[in-house]
């Protein structure tokens, strides 16, 4: 999965806010199929924002241990 530059987090927040506004409009106008698609996009945007906000993406695997024969 492509992850945008961390300095572009503000852009992801703008995209998320736009999706929320579009969902509200689609719900108001009764376009339920569009709402479903927009909600999937919103979930993806939120996931990217959450992962970017969590800090480091590195995982400490510990030191390898040499098995005895």
N, C-alpha and C. Protein backbone atom coordinates (compact mmCIF):
# COMPACT_ATOMS: atom_id res chain seq x y z
N UNK A 1 0.83 -1.17 0.00
CA UNK A 1 0.00 0.00 0.00
C UNK A 1 0.88 1.24 0.00
N UNK A 2 0.50 2.23 -0.77
CA UNK A 2 1.26 3.47 -0.85
C UNK A 2 0.95 4.35 0.35
N UNK A 3 1.99 4.82 1.03
CA UNK A 3 1.83 5.75 2.14
C UNK A 3 2.41 7.10 1.75
N UNK A 4 1.62 8.16 1.86
CA UNK A 4 2.11 9.48 1.49
C UNK A 4 3.16 9.99 2.46
N UNK A 5 3.86 11.00 2.04
CA UNK A 5 4.88 11.65 2.85
C UNK A 5 4.25 12.13 4.16
N UNK A 6 4.90 11.88 5.30
CA UNK A 6 4.34 12.31 6.59
C UNK A 6 4.08 13.82 6.68
N UNK A 7 4.81 14.61 5.92
CA UNK A 7 4.59 16.05 5.94
C UNK A 7 3.28 16.43 5.25
N UNK A 8 2.65 15.48 4.57
CA UNK A 8 1.39 15.74 3.86
C UNK A 8 0.16 15.30 4.67
N UNK A 9 0.34 15.09 5.98
CA UNK A 9 -0.78 14.67 6.83
C UNK A 9 -1.94 15.64 6.73
N UNK A 10 -1.64 16.93 6.67
CA UNK A 10 -2.71 17.93 6.57
C UNK A 10 -3.59 17.69 5.34
N UNK A 11 -2.99 17.20 4.27
CA UNK A 11 -3.76 16.92 3.06
C UNK A 11 -4.71 15.75 3.28
N UNK A 12 -4.25 14.72 4.00
CA UNK A 12 -5.13 13.59 4.32
C UNK A 12 -6.30 14.05 5.18
N UNK A 13 -6.05 14.97 6.10
CA UNK A 13 -7.12 15.49 6.95
C UNK A 13 -8.13 16.26 6.09
N UNK A 14 -7.64 17.03 5.12
CA UNK A 14 -8.54 17.74 4.20
C UNK A 14 -9.40 16.76 3.40
N UNK A 15 -8.78 15.69 2.92
CA UNK A 15 -9.51 14.67 2.15
C UNK A 15 -10.58 14.04 3.04
N UNK A 16 -10.21 13.70 4.27
CA UNK A 16 -11.17 13.10 5.20
C UNK A 16 -12.35 14.04 5.47
N UNK A 17 -12.05 15.30 5.72
CA UNK A 17 -13.12 16.27 5.99
C UNK A 17 -14.04 16.43 4.78
N UNK A 18 -13.47 16.40 3.58
CA UNK A 18 -14.26 16.50 2.36
C UNK A 18 -15.16 15.27 2.21
N UNK A 19 -14.63 14.11 2.51
CA UNK A 19 -15.43 12.88 2.43
C UNK A 19 -16.60 12.92 3.40
N UNK A 20 -16.37 13.42 4.61
CA UNK A 20 -17.44 13.53 5.60
C UNK A 20 -18.55 14.45 5.08
N UNK A 21 -18.15 15.58 4.50
CA UNK A 21 -19.15 16.51 3.95
C UNK A 21 -19.91 15.87 2.80
N UNK A 22 -19.23 15.13 1.94
CA UNK A 22 -19.88 14.46 0.81
C UNK A 22 -20.85 13.38 1.29
N UNK A 23 -20.48 12.65 2.33
CA UNK A 23 -21.36 11.63 2.89
C UNK A 23 -22.63 12.29 3.43
N UNK A 24 -22.47 13.39 4.14
CA UNK A 24 -23.62 14.10 4.69
C UNK A 24 -24.57 14.54 3.57
N UNK A 25 -24.01 15.08 2.50
CA UNK A 25 -24.83 15.51 1.37
C UNK A 25 -25.53 14.35 0.68
N UNK A 26 -24.81 13.26 0.50
CA UNK A 26 -25.40 12.09 -0.17
C UNK A 26 -26.51 11.48 0.69
N UNK A 27 -26.32 11.45 2.01
CA UNK A 27 -27.36 10.93 2.90
C UNK A 27 -28.60 11.83 2.83
N UNK A 28 -28.39 13.14 2.84
CA UNK A 28 -29.50 14.08 2.79
C UNK A 28 -30.31 13.92 1.51
N UNK A 29 -29.62 13.60 0.40
CA UNK A 29 -30.29 13.46 -0.89
C UNK A 29 -30.73 12.03 -1.19
N UNK A 30 -30.48 11.11 -0.24
CA UNK A 30 -30.96 9.74 -0.39
C UNK A 30 -30.16 8.88 -1.36
N UNK A 31 -28.91 9.25 -1.64
CA UNK A 31 -28.06 8.46 -2.55
C UNK A 31 -27.27 7.44 -1.74
N UNK A 32 -27.95 6.37 -1.36
CA UNK A 32 -27.37 5.40 -0.43
C UNK A 32 -26.19 4.63 -1.02
N UNK A 33 -26.23 4.34 -2.32
CA UNK A 33 -25.10 3.66 -2.95
C UNK A 33 -23.84 4.50 -2.90
N UNK A 34 -24.00 5.79 -3.12
CA UNK A 34 -22.86 6.71 -3.05
C UNK A 34 -22.33 6.80 -1.62
N UNK A 35 -23.24 6.81 -0.65
CA UNK A 35 -22.83 6.87 0.76
C UNK A 35 -21.94 5.69 1.09
N UNK A 36 -22.33 4.50 0.63
CA UNK A 36 -21.55 3.30 0.92
C UNK A 36 -20.14 3.40 0.36
N UNK A 37 -20.01 3.85 -0.87
CA UNK A 37 -18.69 4.00 -1.48
C UNK A 37 -17.85 5.05 -0.77
N UNK A 38 -18.48 6.16 -0.41
CA UNK A 38 -17.75 7.22 0.28
C UNK A 38 -17.30 6.77 1.66
N UNK A 39 -18.12 5.96 2.33
CA UNK A 39 -17.74 5.46 3.65
C UNK A 39 -16.53 4.53 3.56
N UNK A 40 -16.43 3.77 2.49
CA UNK A 40 -15.25 2.92 2.29
C UNK A 40 -14.01 3.79 2.11
N UNK A 41 -14.15 4.84 1.33
CA UNK A 41 -13.02 5.76 1.13
C UNK A 41 -12.64 6.45 2.44
N UNK A 42 -13.65 6.82 3.22
CA UNK A 42 -13.40 7.47 4.51
C UNK A 42 -12.65 6.53 5.45
N UNK A 43 -13.03 5.26 5.46
CA UNK A 43 -12.33 4.29 6.31
C UNK A 43 -10.86 4.20 5.92
N UNK A 44 -10.58 4.20 4.61
CA UNK A 44 -9.19 4.16 4.15
C UNK A 44 -8.42 5.40 4.56
N UNK A 45 -9.05 6.56 4.43
CA UNK A 45 -8.38 7.82 4.82
C UNK A 45 -8.11 7.83 6.32
N UNK A 46 -9.08 7.40 7.11
CA UNK A 46 -8.88 7.35 8.56
C UNK A 46 -7.77 6.39 8.93
N UNK A 47 -7.69 5.26 8.25
CA UNK A 47 -6.64 4.29 8.51
C UNK A 47 -5.26 4.90 8.25
N UNK A 48 -5.14 5.60 7.14
CA UNK A 48 -3.85 6.23 6.82
C UNK A 48 -3.49 7.29 7.83
N UNK A 49 -4.47 8.08 8.25
CA UNK A 49 -4.21 9.12 9.25
C UNK A 49 -3.80 8.47 10.57
N UNK A 50 -4.50 7.42 10.99
CA UNK A 50 -4.18 6.74 12.24
C UNK A 50 -2.79 6.13 12.22
N UNK A 51 -2.43 5.52 11.12
CA UNK A 51 -1.11 4.90 11.01
C UNK A 51 -0.01 5.95 11.01
N UNK A 52 -0.26 7.07 10.37
CA UNK A 52 0.72 8.16 10.33
C UNK A 52 0.85 8.81 11.70
N UNK A 53 -0.22 8.82 12.48
CA UNK A 53 -0.21 9.47 13.79
C UNK A 53 0.44 8.61 14.86
N UNK A 54 0.54 7.31 14.61
CA UNK A 54 1.02 6.40 15.64
C UNK A 54 2.53 6.46 15.83
N UNK A 55 3.23 7.24 15.03
CA UNK A 55 4.67 7.37 15.21
C UNK A 55 5.44 6.42 14.33
N UNK A 56 6.45 5.84 14.89
CA UNK A 56 7.35 4.98 14.15
C UNK A 56 6.64 3.74 13.62
N UNK A 57 7.04 3.33 12.43
CA UNK A 57 6.48 2.12 11.85
C UNK A 57 7.46 0.96 11.93
N UNK A 58 8.59 1.17 12.64
CA UNK A 58 9.56 0.10 12.77
C UNK A 58 9.14 -0.84 13.90
N UNK A 59 9.55 -2.08 13.77
CA UNK A 59 9.22 -3.09 14.76
C UNK A 59 10.52 -3.72 15.24
N UNK A 60 10.70 -3.77 16.56
CA UNK A 60 11.89 -4.39 17.13
C UNK A 60 11.66 -5.89 17.17
N UNK A 61 12.48 -6.62 16.42
CA UNK A 61 12.35 -8.07 16.36
C UNK A 61 13.27 -8.78 17.35
N UNK A 62 14.06 -8.02 18.07
CA UNK A 62 14.97 -8.62 19.05
C UNK A 62 16.24 -9.15 18.39
N UNK A 63 17.10 -9.72 19.20
CA UNK A 63 18.35 -10.27 18.70
C UNK A 63 18.13 -11.74 18.32
N UNK A 64 18.70 -12.15 17.19
CA UNK A 64 18.58 -13.56 16.83
C UNK A 64 19.38 -14.44 17.79
N UNK A 65 18.89 -15.63 18.02
CA UNK A 65 19.56 -16.58 18.91
C UNK A 65 20.00 -17.76 18.07
N UNK A 66 21.28 -18.11 18.21
CA UNK A 66 21.81 -19.24 17.46
C UNK A 66 21.41 -20.54 18.17
N UNK A 67 20.72 -21.38 17.41
CA UNK A 67 20.26 -22.66 17.97
C UNK A 67 21.43 -23.61 18.16
N UNK A 68 21.39 -24.38 19.22
CA UNK A 68 22.44 -25.38 19.47
C UNK A 68 22.13 -26.65 18.67
N UNK A 69 23.17 -27.28 18.13
CA UNK A 69 22.95 -28.52 17.36
C UNK A 69 22.51 -29.69 18.22
